[in-house]
Amino acid sequence: SPQVNVAIRSSLQSLREKIEQLRELLLRAVSTRQITQLEGDRRQNLVDDLLTRHRQLEASYRNEGPEPDVSRSSLMAGGAKRGVTNPWLLEESEETRGLGFDELRQQQRRIIEEQDAGLDALSSIISRQKQMGQEIGNELDEQN
C-alpha cells in the first residue's frame, strides 16, 4: 500500500508538471504566432479541462469531494459540459439497433453512396454556374 501511494503521488505530480509544460508551450506558440488565437483558445480550453480532471483525481486520491463512482463517471463523460458527448455513453439509434456488423457496413456503404450522388449533383451544378459565369464575363467583354 505505501508503494502504491508513492506511485500515485508521483504520477499526479508528473501529470501536474506536464500540464504546466503544455500551458507554457501553448503560450509560446500563441505569442510567436505559430498557431492562431482561435486555435490557442481551443487548446487552452483543453488544457483547462486537463487541469480540472487533475484536481478531481487529487481530490479522489485524498478521499475528498464526490463519491469515487460519481467522479469516475464524470471523468468518463469526457467533454459533456462543452456540448461534446462521449460516443460510448450514447444510446444506439433505432436505425442501427439489432443490426449485425455486416448490416451496419452495408448501411454505411449505402449512406456513402447517397452522399456521393449528392456531391456529384452539387458538382455538376457548380460546374454549370461556373460556365454561366464565364459566358456572362465573355458577353460583358464583348459588350464593352
C-alpha atoms as a PDB file:
ATOM      1  CA  SER A   1       0.000   0.000   0.000  1.00  0.00           C
ATOM      2  CA  PRO A   2       2.745   2.583   0.739  1.00  0.00           C
ATOM      3  CA  GLN A   3       4.391   1.822  -2.603  1.00  0.00           C
ATOM      4  CA  VAL A   4       1.093   2.374  -4.397  1.00  0.00           C
ATOM      5  CA  ASN A   5       0.590   5.671  -2.560  1.00  0.00           C
ATOM      6  CA  VAL A   6       4.064   6.839  -3.550  1.00  0.00           C
ATOM      7  CA  ALA A   7       3.453   5.809  -7.169  1.00  0.00           C
ATOM      8  CA  ILE A   8       0.117   7.639  -7.249  1.00  0.00           C
ATOM      9  CA  ARG A   9       1.566  10.787  -5.700  1.00  0.00           C
ATOM     10  CA  SER A  10       4.494  10.824  -8.126  1.00  0.00           C
ATOM     11  CA  SER A  11       2.173  10.192 -11.082  1.00  0.00           C
ATOM     12  CA  LEU A  12      -0.084  13.045 -10.020  1.00  0.00           C
ATOM     13  CA  GLN A  13       2.933  15.341  -9.621  1.00  0.00           C
ATOM     14  CA  SER A  14       4.250  14.295 -13.030  1.00  0.00           C
ATOM     15  CA  LEU A  15       0.849  14.953 -14.573  1.00  0.00           C
ATOM     16  CA  ARG A  16       0.768  18.412 -12.992  1.00  0.00           C
ATOM     17  CA  GLU A  17       4.232  19.220 -14.377  1.00  0.00           C
ATOM     18  CA  LYS A  18       3.278  18.034 -17.859  1.00  0.00           C
ATOM     19  CA  ILE A  19       0.128  20.143 -17.804  1.00  0.00           C
ATOM     20  CA  GLU A  20       2.231  23.172 -16.881  1.00  0.00           C
ATOM     21  CA  GLN A  21       4.649  22.370 -19.727  1.00  0.00           C
ATOM     22  CA  LEU A  22       1.696  22.182 -22.114  1.00  0.00           C
ATOM     23  CA  ARG A  23       0.447  25.533 -20.882  1.00  0.00           C
ATOM     24  CA  GLU A  24       3.880  27.133 -21.391  1.00  0.00           C
ATOM     25  CA  LEU A  25       4.263  25.639 -24.867  1.00  0.00           C
ATOM     26  CA  LEU A  26       0.801  26.859 -25.765  1.00  0.00           C
ATOM     27  CA  LEU A  27       1.546  30.400 -24.597  1.00  0.00           C
ATOM     28  CA  ARG A  28       4.789  30.364 -26.579  1.00  0.00           C
ATOM     29  CA  ALA A  29       3.026  29.075 -29.708  1.00  0.00           C
ATOM     30  CA  VAL A  30       0.353  31.780 -29.488  1.00  0.00           C
ATOM     31  CA  SER A  31       2.839  34.575 -28.783  1.00  0.00           C
ATOM     32  CA  THR A  32       5.091  33.586 -31.704  1.00  0.00           C
ATOM     33  CA  ARG A  33       2.014  33.189 -33.925  1.00  0.00           C
ATOM     34  CA  GLN A  34       2.737  29.555 -34.715  1.00  0.00           C
ATOM     35  CA  ILE A  35      -0.989  28.978 -34.208  1.00  0.00           C
ATOM     36  CA  THR A  36      -3.961  31.305 -34.498  1.00  0.00           C
ATOM     37  CA  GLN A  37      -5.595  32.904 -31.486  1.00  0.00           C
ATOM     38  CA  LEU A  38      -8.741  30.846 -32.080  1.00  0.00           C
ATOM     39  CA  GLU A  39      -6.744  27.611 -32.070  1.00  0.00           C
ATOM     40  CA  GLY A  40      -4.893  28.840 -28.984  1.00  0.00           C
ATOM     41  CA  ASP A  41      -8.206  29.410 -27.204  1.00  0.00           C
ATOM     42  CA  ARG A  42      -9.415  25.947 -28.191  1.00  0.00           C
ATOM     43  CA  ARG A  43      -6.229  24.352 -26.891  1.00  0.00           C
ATOM     44  CA  GLN A  44      -6.364  26.453 -23.718  1.00  0.00           C
ATOM     45  CA  ASN A  45      -9.835  25.050 -23.033  1.00  0.00           C
ATOM     46  CA  LEU A  46      -8.427  21.534 -23.418  1.00  0.00           C
ATOM     47  CA  VAL A  47      -5.563  22.320 -21.028  1.00  0.00           C
ATOM     48  CA  ASP A  48      -8.068  23.765 -18.542  1.00  0.00           C
ATOM     49  CA  ASP A  49     -10.089  20.543 -18.786  1.00  0.00           C
ATOM     50  CA  LEU A  50      -6.931  18.549 -18.072  1.00  0.00           C
ATOM     51  CA  LEU A  51      -6.238  20.703 -15.040  1.00  0.00           C
ATOM     52  CA  THR A  52      -9.797  20.208 -13.777  1.00  0.00           C
ATOM     53  CA  ARG A  53      -9.510  16.449 -14.180  1.00  0.00           C
ATOM     54  CA  HIS A  54      -6.158  16.539 -12.390  1.00  0.00           C
ATOM     55  CA  ARG A  55      -7.818  18.311  -9.470  1.00  0.00           C
ATOM     56  CA  GLN A  56     -10.605  15.710  -9.493  1.00  0.00           C
ATOM     57  CA  LEU A  57      -8.026  12.934  -9.374  1.00  0.00           C
ATOM     58  CA  GLU A  58      -6.195  14.600  -6.483  1.00  0.00           C
ATOM     59  CA  ALA A  59      -9.437  15.068  -4.576  1.00  0.00           C
ATOM     60  CA  SER A  60     -10.378  11.454  -5.221  1.00  0.00           C
ATOM     61  CA  TYR A  61      -6.959  10.324  -4.012  1.00  0.00           C
ATOM     62  CA  ARG A  62      -7.388  12.311  -0.808  1.00  0.00           C
ATOM     63  CA  ASN A  63     -10.960  10.966  -0.448  1.00  0.00           C
ATOM     64  CA  GLU A  64     -12.422  14.452  -0.817  1.00  0.00           C
ATOM     65  CA  GLY A  65     -15.315  15.579  -2.969  1.00  0.00           C
ATOM     66  CA  PRO A  66     -17.878  13.269  -4.527  1.00  0.00           C
ATOM     67  CA  GLU A  67     -18.019   9.532  -4.164  1.00  0.00           C
ATOM     68  CA  PRO A  68     -15.499   7.636  -6.311  1.00  0.00           C
ATOM     69  CA  ASP A  69     -18.211   6.249  -8.612  1.00  0.00           C
ATOM     70  CA  VAL A  70     -19.506   9.754  -9.330  1.00  0.00           C
ATOM     71  CA  SER A  71     -16.042  11.111 -10.077  1.00  0.00           C
ATOM     72  CA  ARG A  72     -15.264   8.132 -12.314  1.00  0.00           C
ATOM     73  CA  SER A  73     -18.425   8.648 -14.331  1.00  0.00           C
ATOM     74  CA  SER A  74     -17.684  12.361 -14.668  1.00  0.00           C
ATOM     75  CA  LEU A  75     -14.180  11.565 -15.916  1.00  0.00           C
ATOM     76  CA  MET A  76     -15.618   9.121 -18.458  1.00  0.00           C
ATOM     77  CA  ALA A  77     -18.173  11.680 -19.593  1.00  0.00           C
ATOM     78  CA  GLY A  78     -15.379  13.496 -21.425  1.00  0.00           C
ATOM     79  CA  GLY A  79     -16.286  16.956 -22.662  1.00  0.00           C
ATOM     80  CA  ALA A  80     -20.017  16.673 -21.996  1.00  0.00           C
ATOM     81  CA  LYS A  81     -20.053  20.048 -20.295  1.00  0.00           C
ATOM     82  CA  ARG A  82     -18.857  21.693 -23.509  1.00  0.00           C
ATOM     83  CA  GLY A  83     -21.565  20.077 -25.607  1.00  0.00           C
ATOM     84  CA  VAL A  84     -19.324  17.266 -26.862  1.00  0.00           C
ATOM     85  CA  THR A  85     -20.606  13.910 -25.728  1.00  0.00           C
ATOM     86  CA  ASN A  86     -18.735  10.677 -25.316  1.00  0.00           C
ATOM     87  CA  PRO A  87     -19.950   8.379 -28.126  1.00  0.00           C
ATOM     88  CA  TRP A  88     -19.614   5.329 -25.867  1.00  0.00           C
ATOM     89  CA  LEU A  89     -22.226   6.707 -23.478  1.00  0.00           C
ATOM     90  CA  LEU A  90     -24.913   7.350 -26.128  1.00  0.00           C
ATOM     91  CA  GLU A  91     -27.852   5.075 -26.730  1.00  0.00           C
ATOM     92  CA  GLU A  92     -27.920   3.235 -30.032  1.00  0.00           C
ATOM     93  CA  SER A  93     -30.309   4.695 -32.618  1.00  0.00           C
ATOM     94  CA  GLU A  94     -33.386   2.849 -33.851  1.00  0.00           C
ATOM     95  CA  GLU A  95     -31.852   2.561 -37.329  1.00  0.00           C
ATOM     96  CA  THR A  96     -28.897   0.526 -36.122  1.00  0.00           C
ATOM     97  CA  ARG A  97     -30.400  -1.317 -33.172  1.00  0.00           C
ATOM     98  CA  GLY A  98     -30.268  -5.051 -33.719  1.00  0.00           C
ATOM     99  CA  LEU A  99     -28.096  -4.881 -36.825  1.00  0.00           C
ATOM    100  CA  GLY A 100     -25.002  -7.026 -37.123  1.00  0.00           C
ATOM    101  CA  PHE A 101     -21.598  -5.922 -38.287  1.00  0.00           C
ATOM    102  CA  ASP A 102     -22.256  -6.758 -41.952  1.00  0.00           C
ATOM    103  CA  GLU A 103     -25.606  -4.965 -41.946  1.00  0.00           C
ATOM    104  CA  LEU A 104     -24.014  -1.881 -40.375  1.00  0.00           C
ATOM    105  CA  ARG A 105     -21.288  -1.925 -43.014  1.00  0.00           C
ATOM    106  CA  GLN A 106     -23.912  -2.210 -45.796  1.00  0.00           C
ATOM    107  CA  GLN A 107     -25.888   0.663 -44.309  1.00  0.00           C
ATOM    108  CA  GLN A 108     -22.711   2.729 -44.115  1.00  0.00           C
ATOM    109  CA  ARG A 109     -21.926   1.973 -47.775  1.00  0.00           C
ATOM    110  CA  ARG A 110     -25.459   2.946 -48.799  1.00  0.00           C
ATOM    111  CA  ILE A 111     -25.186   6.246 -46.924  1.00  0.00           C
ATOM    112  CA  ILE A 112     -21.802   6.949 -48.530  1.00  0.00           C
ATOM    113  CA  GLU A 113     -23.243   6.191 -51.978  1.00  0.00           C
ATOM    114  CA  GLU A 114     -26.120   8.604 -51.331  1.00  0.00           C
ATOM    115  CA  GLN A 115     -23.649  11.260 -50.206  1.00  0.00           C
ATOM    116  CA  ASP A 116     -21.529  10.654 -53.304  1.00  0.00           C
ATOM    117  CA  ALA A 117     -24.595  11.043 -55.528  1.00  0.00           C
ATOM    118  CA  GLY A 118     -25.437  14.308 -53.766  1.00  0.00           C
ATOM    119  CA  LEU A 119     -21.870  15.542 -54.201  1.00  0.00           C
ATOM    120  CA  ASP A 120     -21.935  14.628 -57.892  1.00  0.00           C
ATOM    121  CA  ALA A 121     -25.147  16.615 -58.358  1.00  0.00           C
ATOM    122  CA  LEU A 122     -23.652  19.556 -56.475  1.00  0.00           C
ATOM    123  CA  SER A 123     -20.510  19.351 -58.587  1.00  0.00           C
ATOM    124  CA  SER A 124     -22.495  19.469 -61.833  1.00  0.00           C
ATOM    125  CA  ILE A 125     -24.491  22.468 -60.555  1.00  0.00           C
ATOM    126  CA  ILE A 126     -21.316  24.310 -59.607  1.00  0.00           C
ATOM    127  CA  SER A 127     -19.735  23.465 -62.973  1.00  0.00           C
ATOM    128  CA  ARG A 128     -22.784  24.830 -64.763  1.00  0.00           C
ATOM    129  CA  GLN A 129     -22.693  28.013 -62.678  1.00  0.00           C
ATOM    130  CA  LYS A 130     -19.002  28.421 -63.459  1.00  0.00           C
ATOM    131  CA  GLN A 131     -19.719  28.016 -67.158  1.00  0.00           C
ATOM    132  CA  MET A 132     -22.548  30.555 -66.944  1.00  0.00           C
ATOM    133  CA  GLY A 133     -20.253  32.987 -65.128  1.00  0.00           C
ATOM    134  CA  GLN A 134     -17.608  32.633 -67.811  1.00  0.00           C
ATOM    135  CA  GLU A 135     -20.202  33.168 -70.532  1.00  0.00           C
ATOM    136  CA  ILE A 136     -21.508  36.273 -68.756  1.00  0.00           C
ATOM    137  CA  GLY A 137     -17.923  37.553 -68.439  1.00  0.00           C
ATOM    138  CA  ASN A 138     -17.320  36.940 -72.144  1.00  0.00           C
ATOM    139  CA  GLU A 139     -20.571  38.734 -73.016  1.00  0.00           C
ATOM    140  CA  LEU A 140     -19.551  41.693 -70.847  1.00  0.00           C
ATOM    141  CA  ASP A 141     -16.156  41.856 -72.524  1.00  0.00           C
ATOM    142  CA  GLU A 142     -17.831  41.740 -75.935  1.00  0.00           C
ATOM    143  CA  GLN A 143     -20.337  44.467 -74.957  1.00  0.00           C
ATOM    144  CA  ASN A 144     -17.558  46.716 -73.620  1.00  0.00           C
END
